[in-house]
Amino acid sequence: MTTNKEIMARNIQYYMEKKNVTATEVCSELGVKQNTFSDWVNAKTYPRIDAIEKMARYFGISKAFLVEDIKPIDIFTDEERNLMLEYRNADQVTQEMVKRMLKYKEV
């Protein structure tokens, strides 16, 4: 089973590659020590919530994409991303209608 530290480490590495930044650049931007950041990236320790929030802002992602074992947003097509954004921005009634439509199956 994958630990939370391992999930975090993998996600940090993924977003560093995606943004094409080095550990030194991330540390400088976030104001964290190299040793501390290295421990996160190597799954030795887990960052505090304030550091997770800073990283999420730095990478331009939700905290969930750092702490959870979920698919990164870039695996979705443009159409899928647009649909998700439309859904998120829709009012509650519209969201409920979409949920019902997705559950509906003809017999």
N, C-alpha and C. Protein backbone atom coordinates (compact mmCIF):
# COMPACT_ATOMS: atom_id res chain seq x y z
N MET A 1 0.83 -1.19 0.00
CA MET A 1 0.00 0.00 0.00
C MET A 1 0.88 1.25 0.00
N THR A 2 0.47 2.23 -0.76
CA THR A 2 1.21 3.48 -0.87
C THR A 2 0.89 4.37 0.32
N THR A 3 1.92 4.92 0.93
CA THR A 3 1.73 5.81 2.08
C THR A 3 1.42 7.23 1.61
N ASN A 4 0.90 8.03 2.52
CA ASN A 4 0.63 9.44 2.22
C ASN A 4 1.90 10.17 1.81
N LYS A 5 2.99 9.84 2.48
CA LYS A 5 4.27 10.48 2.15
C LYS A 5 4.69 10.14 0.72
N GLU A 6 4.48 8.90 0.32
CA GLU A 6 4.85 8.47 -1.04
C GLU A 6 3.96 9.14 -2.09
N ILE A 7 2.68 9.26 -1.79
CA ILE A 7 1.77 9.95 -2.70
C ILE A 7 2.20 11.40 -2.87
N MET A 8 2.46 12.06 -1.75
CA MET A 8 2.90 13.45 -1.79
C MET A 8 4.19 13.60 -2.59
N ALA A 9 5.15 12.74 -2.32
CA ALA A 9 6.44 12.80 -3.01
C ALA A 9 6.26 12.65 -4.52
N ARG A 10 5.47 11.67 -4.92
CA ARG A 10 5.23 11.44 -6.35
C ARG A 10 4.55 12.65 -6.99
N ASN A 11 3.57 13.22 -6.29
CA ASN A 11 2.85 14.37 -6.83
C ASN A 11 3.74 15.60 -6.94
N ILE A 12 4.57 15.84 -5.94
CA ILE A 12 5.49 16.98 -6.00
C ILE A 12 6.42 16.81 -7.20
N GLN A 13 6.98 15.63 -7.36
CA GLN A 13 7.89 15.37 -8.48
C GLN A 13 7.18 15.58 -9.81
N TYR A 14 5.94 15.11 -9.91
CA TYR A 14 5.18 15.26 -11.15
C TYR A 14 5.01 16.73 -11.50
N TYR A 15 4.58 17.54 -10.53
CA TYR A 15 4.32 18.95 -10.81
C TYR A 15 5.60 19.75 -11.01
N MET A 16 6.69 19.33 -10.42
CA MET A 16 7.98 19.97 -10.69
C MET A 16 8.36 19.73 -12.15
N GLU A 17 8.20 18.49 -12.61
CA GLU A 17 8.51 18.18 -14.00
C GLU A 17 7.59 18.95 -14.94
N LYS A 18 6.33 18.98 -14.61
CA LYS A 18 5.35 19.67 -15.45
C LYS A 18 5.67 21.16 -15.57
N LYS A 19 6.09 21.76 -14.46
CA LYS A 19 6.42 23.19 -14.46
C LYS A 19 7.87 23.42 -14.89
N ASN A 20 8.62 22.34 -15.01
CA ASN A 20 10.03 22.40 -15.42
C ASN A 20 10.85 23.28 -14.48
N VAL A 21 10.77 22.94 -13.19
CA VAL A 21 11.52 23.69 -12.17
C VAL A 21 12.39 22.73 -11.36
N THR A 22 13.42 23.28 -10.80
CA THR A 22 14.32 22.50 -9.95
C THR A 22 13.89 22.62 -8.49
N ALA A 23 14.44 21.76 -7.67
CA ALA A 23 14.17 21.82 -6.24
C ALA A 23 14.64 23.15 -5.67
N THR A 24 15.76 23.64 -6.15
CA THR A 24 16.29 24.92 -5.68
C THR A 24 15.31 26.05 -5.97
N GLU A 25 14.73 26.03 -7.17
CA GLU A 25 13.76 27.07 -7.52
C GLU A 25 12.51 26.99 -6.64
N VAL A 26 12.04 25.78 -6.41
CA VAL A 26 10.84 25.62 -5.57
C VAL A 26 11.14 26.09 -4.15
N CYS A 27 12.27 25.68 -3.62
CA CYS A 27 12.64 26.07 -2.25
C CYS A 27 12.74 27.58 -2.12
N SER A 28 13.34 28.21 -3.10
CA SER A 28 13.49 29.66 -3.08
C SER A 28 12.13 30.34 -3.11
N GLU A 29 11.25 29.87 -3.96
CA GLU A 29 9.92 30.46 -4.09
C GLU A 29 9.07 30.25 -2.83
N LEU A 30 9.18 29.05 -2.25
CA LEU A 30 8.35 28.72 -1.08
C LEU A 30 8.98 29.14 0.24
N GLY A 31 10.27 29.43 0.21
CA GLY A 31 10.96 29.80 1.44
C GLY A 31 11.18 28.63 2.38
N VAL A 32 11.48 27.45 1.79
CA VAL A 32 11.77 26.27 2.61
C VAL A 32 13.22 25.83 2.39
N LYS A 33 13.77 25.16 3.38
CA LYS A 33 15.14 24.67 3.28
C LYS A 33 15.22 23.48 2.33
N GLN A 34 16.37 23.37 1.67
CA GLN A 34 16.60 22.27 0.72
C GLN A 34 16.43 20.92 1.40
N ASN A 35 16.95 20.77 2.61
CA ASN A 35 16.85 19.48 3.31
C ASN A 35 15.40 19.11 3.59
N THR A 36 14.63 20.08 3.98
CA THR A 36 13.21 19.85 4.25
C THR A 36 12.49 19.41 2.99
N PHE A 37 12.72 20.15 1.91
CA PHE A 37 12.07 19.83 0.64
C PHE A 37 12.52 18.46 0.14
N SER A 38 13.79 18.17 0.29
CA SER A 38 14.32 16.86 -0.12
C SER A 38 13.63 15.73 0.63
N ASP A 39 13.38 15.93 1.91
CA ASP A 39 12.67 14.92 2.70
C ASP A 39 11.25 14.70 2.18
N TRP A 40 10.60 15.77 1.74
CA TRP A 40 9.25 15.62 1.16
C TRP A 40 9.30 14.83 -0.14
N VAL A 41 10.23 15.21 -1.00
CA VAL A 41 10.34 14.60 -2.33
C VAL A 41 10.79 13.14 -2.24
N ASN A 42 11.49 12.80 -1.18
CA ASN A 42 11.96 11.43 -0.99
C ASN A 42 11.09 10.63 -0.02
N ALA A 43 9.92 11.18 0.28
CA ALA A 43 8.92 10.51 1.12
C ALA A 43 9.44 10.15 2.52
N LYS A 44 10.33 10.99 3.03
CA LYS A 44 10.83 10.77 4.39
C LYS A 44 9.94 11.47 5.42
N THR A 45 9.44 12.65 5.04
CA THR A 45 8.55 13.39 5.92
C THR A 45 7.39 13.95 5.10
N TYR A 46 6.38 14.43 5.80
CA TYR A 46 5.18 14.97 5.17
C TYR A 46 5.10 16.45 5.53
N PRO A 47 4.86 17.32 4.54
CA PRO A 47 4.81 18.76 4.84
C PRO A 47 3.60 19.15 5.68
N ARG A 48 3.77 20.25 6.41
CA ARG A 48 2.64 20.81 7.16
C ARG A 48 1.65 21.43 6.18
N ILE A 49 0.45 21.66 6.65
CA ILE A 49 -0.62 22.16 5.78
C ILE A 49 -0.26 23.50 5.15
N ASP A 50 0.43 24.39 5.88
CA ASP A 50 0.79 25.68 5.30
C ASP A 50 1.74 25.51 4.12
N ALA A 51 2.65 24.56 4.21
CA ALA A 51 3.57 24.29 3.10
C ALA A 51 2.83 23.66 1.91
N ILE A 52 1.87 22.80 2.20
CA ILE A 52 1.06 22.20 1.14
C ILE A 52 0.28 23.29 0.42
N GLU A 53 -0.27 24.23 1.17
CA GLU A 53 -1.02 25.34 0.56
C GLU A 53 -0.12 26.20 -0.32
N LYS A 54 1.10 26.48 0.16
CA LYS A 54 2.05 27.26 -0.64
C LYS A 54 2.41 26.53 -1.93
N MET A 55 2.67 25.22 -1.81
CA MET A 55 3.02 24.44 -3.01
C MET A 55 1.86 24.43 -4.00
N ALA A 56 0.66 24.25 -3.50
CA ALA A 56 -0.51 24.21 -4.39
C ALA A 56 -0.64 25.53 -5.14
N ARG A 57 -0.48 26.65 -4.43
CA ARG A 57 -0.53 27.96 -5.10
C ARG A 57 0.59 28.10 -6.12
N TYR A 58 1.78 27.66 -5.73
CA TYR A 58 2.95 27.76 -6.62
C TYR A 58 2.73 26.97 -7.91
N PHE A 59 2.19 25.76 -7.78
CA PHE A 59 1.97 24.92 -8.96
C PHE A 59 0.65 25.24 -9.66
N GLY A 60 -0.17 26.07 -9.05
CA GLY A 60 -1.45 26.45 -9.65
C GLY A 60 -2.47 25.33 -9.66
N ILE A 61 -2.49 24.56 -8.57
CA ILE A 61 -3.38 23.40 -8.48
C ILE A 61 -4.11 23.40 -7.14
N SER A 62 -5.06 22.53 -7.04
CA SER A 62 -5.75 22.31 -5.77
C SER A 62 -4.84 21.50 -4.84
N LYS A 63 -5.00 21.70 -3.54
CA LYS A 63 -4.24 20.91 -2.57
C LYS A 63 -4.48 19.42 -2.78
N ALA A 64 -5.67 19.08 -3.21
CA ALA A 64 -6.02 17.67 -3.42
C ALA A 64 -5.07 17.00 -4.40
N PHE A 65 -4.59 17.74 -5.40
CA PHE A 65 -3.70 17.14 -6.38
C PHE A 65 -2.31 16.87 -5.81
N LEU A 66 -2.01 17.41 -4.65
CA LEU A 66 -0.75 17.11 -3.98
C LEU A 66 -0.92 15.98 -2.96
N VAL A 67 -2.02 15.97 -2.25
CA VAL A 67 -2.15 15.06 -1.12
C VAL A 67 -2.88 13.76 -1.44
N GLU A 68 -3.63 13.74 -2.54
CA GLU A 68 -4.42 12.56 -2.85
C GLU A 68 -3.86 11.80 -4.04
N ASP A 69 -4.20 10.55 -4.10
CA ASP A 69 -3.77 9.69 -5.20
C ASP A 69 -4.81 9.77 -6.31
N ILE A 70 -4.85 10.94 -6.96
CA ILE A 70 -5.82 11.16 -8.03
C ILE A 70 -5.10 11.53 -9.30
N LYS A 71 -5.79 11.39 -10.40
CA LYS A 71 -5.19 11.67 -11.69
C LYS A 71 -4.96 13.17 -11.84
N PRO A 72 -3.80 13.54 -12.37
CA PRO A 72 -3.55 14.95 -12.63
C PRO A 72 -4.50 15.47 -13.71
N ILE A 73 -4.79 16.74 -13.65
CA ILE A 73 -5.77 17.35 -14.54
C ILE A 73 -5.36 17.25 -16.01
N ASP A 74 -4.08 17.16 -16.31
CA ASP A 74 -3.67 17.18 -17.71
C ASP A 74 -3.92 15.87 -18.43
N ILE A 75 -4.43 14.85 -17.75
CA ILE A 75 -4.75 13.62 -18.46
C ILE A 75 -6.11 13.72 -19.15
N PHE A 76 -6.86 14.77 -18.84
CA PHE A 76 -8.17 14.96 -19.44
C PHE A 76 -8.03 15.72 -20.76
N THR A 77 -8.93 15.48 -21.66
CA THR A 77 -8.96 16.22 -22.92
C THR A 77 -9.44 17.64 -22.64
N ASP A 78 -9.26 18.52 -23.60
CA ASP A 78 -9.75 19.90 -23.44
C ASP A 78 -11.26 19.90 -23.24
N GLU A 79 -11.96 19.05 -23.99
CA GLU A 79 -13.42 18.98 -23.85
C GLU A 79 -13.82 18.52 -22.45
N GLU A 80 -13.11 17.53 -21.90
CA GLU A 80 -13.42 17.06 -20.54
C GLU A 80 -13.15 18.15 -19.51
N ARG A 81 -12.04 18.87 -19.66
CA ARG A 81 -11.74 19.96 -18.72
C ARG A 81 -12.81 21.05 -18.81
N ASN A 82 -13.23 21.38 -20.02
CA ASN A 82 -14.26 22.40 -20.19
C ASN A 82 -15.57 21.97 -19.56
N LEU A 83 -15.93 20.70 -19.73
CA LEU A 83 -17.15 20.19 -19.11
C LEU A 83 -17.07 20.26 -17.59
N MET A 84 -15.92 19.90 -17.04
CA MET A 84 -15.76 19.96 -15.59
C MET A 84 -15.87 21.39 -15.09
N LEU A 85 -15.27 22.33 -15.81
CA LEU A 85 -15.36 23.73 -15.40
C LEU A 85 -16.79 24.25 -15.49
N GLU A 86 -17.49 23.87 -16.55
CA GLU A 86 -18.89 24.26 -16.68
C GLU A 86 -19.71 23.71 -15.52
N TYR A 87 -19.46 22.46 -15.18
CA TYR A 87 -20.18 21.83 -14.07
C TYR A 87 -19.89 22.56 -12.76
N ARG A 88 -18.62 22.84 -12.50
CA ARG A 88 -18.25 23.52 -11.26
C ARG A 88 -18.89 24.90 -11.15
N ASN A 89 -19.02 25.58 -12.30
CA ASN A 89 -19.57 26.93 -12.30
C ASN A 89 -21.09 26.97 -12.37
N ALA A 90 -21.70 25.82 -12.58
CA ALA A 90 -23.16 25.75 -12.70
C ALA A 90 -23.82 25.88 -11.33
N ASP A 91 -25.07 26.31 -11.35
CA ASP A 91 -25.81 26.40 -10.09
C ASP A 91 -26.17 24.99 -9.61
N GLN A 92 -26.64 24.91 -8.39
CA GLN A 92 -26.91 23.61 -7.77
C GLN A 92 -27.99 22.82 -8.51
N VAL A 93 -28.99 23.48 -9.03
CA VAL A 93 -30.07 22.80 -9.75
C VAL A 93 -29.51 22.14 -11.01
N THR A 94 -28.69 22.87 -11.75
CA THR A 94 -28.09 22.33 -12.97
C THR A 94 -27.17 21.16 -12.64
N GLN A 95 -26.37 21.29 -11.59
CA GLN A 95 -25.49 20.18 -11.19
C GLN A 95 -26.30 18.94 -10.87
N GLU A 96 -27.41 19.13 -10.17
CA GLU A 96 -28.26 17.99 -9.81
C GLU A 96 -28.86 17.34 -11.05
N MET A 97 -29.24 18.14 -12.02
CA MET A 97 -29.77 17.60 -13.28
C MET A 97 -28.71 16.76 -14.00
N VAL A 98 -27.49 17.25 -14.02
CA VAL A 98 -26.40 16.52 -14.67
C VAL A 98 -26.17 15.19 -13.97
N LYS A 99 -26.17 15.21 -12.64
CA LYS A 99 -25.99 13.97 -11.88
C LYS A 99 -27.07 12.96 -12.22
N ARG A 100 -28.31 13.43 -12.29
CA ARG A 100 -29.42 12.53 -12.62
C ARG A 100 -29.29 11.98 -14.03
N MET A 101 -28.89 12.82 -14.96
CA MET A 101 -28.72 12.37 -16.35
C MET A 101 -27.64 11.30 -16.45
N LEU A 102 -26.58 11.47 -15.69
CA LEU A 102 -25.48 10.50 -15.73
C LEU A 102 -25.88 9.17 -15.11
N LYS A 103 -26.81 9.21 -14.15
CA LYS A 103 -27.27 7.98 -13.50
C LYS A 103 -28.33 7.27 -14.32
N TYR A 104 -29.01 8.00 -15.20
CA TYR A 104 -30.11 7.43 -15.98
C TYR A 104 -29.58 6.46 -17.03
N LYS A 105 -30.18 5.27 -17.07
CA LYS A 105 -29.80 4.28 -18.09
C LYS A 105 -31.07 3.66 -18.63
N GLU A 106 -31.16 3.60 -19.94
CA GLU A 106 -32.33 2.95 -20.54
C GLU A 106 -32.27 1.46 -20.31
N VAL A 107 -33.43 0.89 -20.07
CA VAL A 107 -33.53 -0.57 -19.83
C VAL A 107 -33.71 -1.28 -21.15
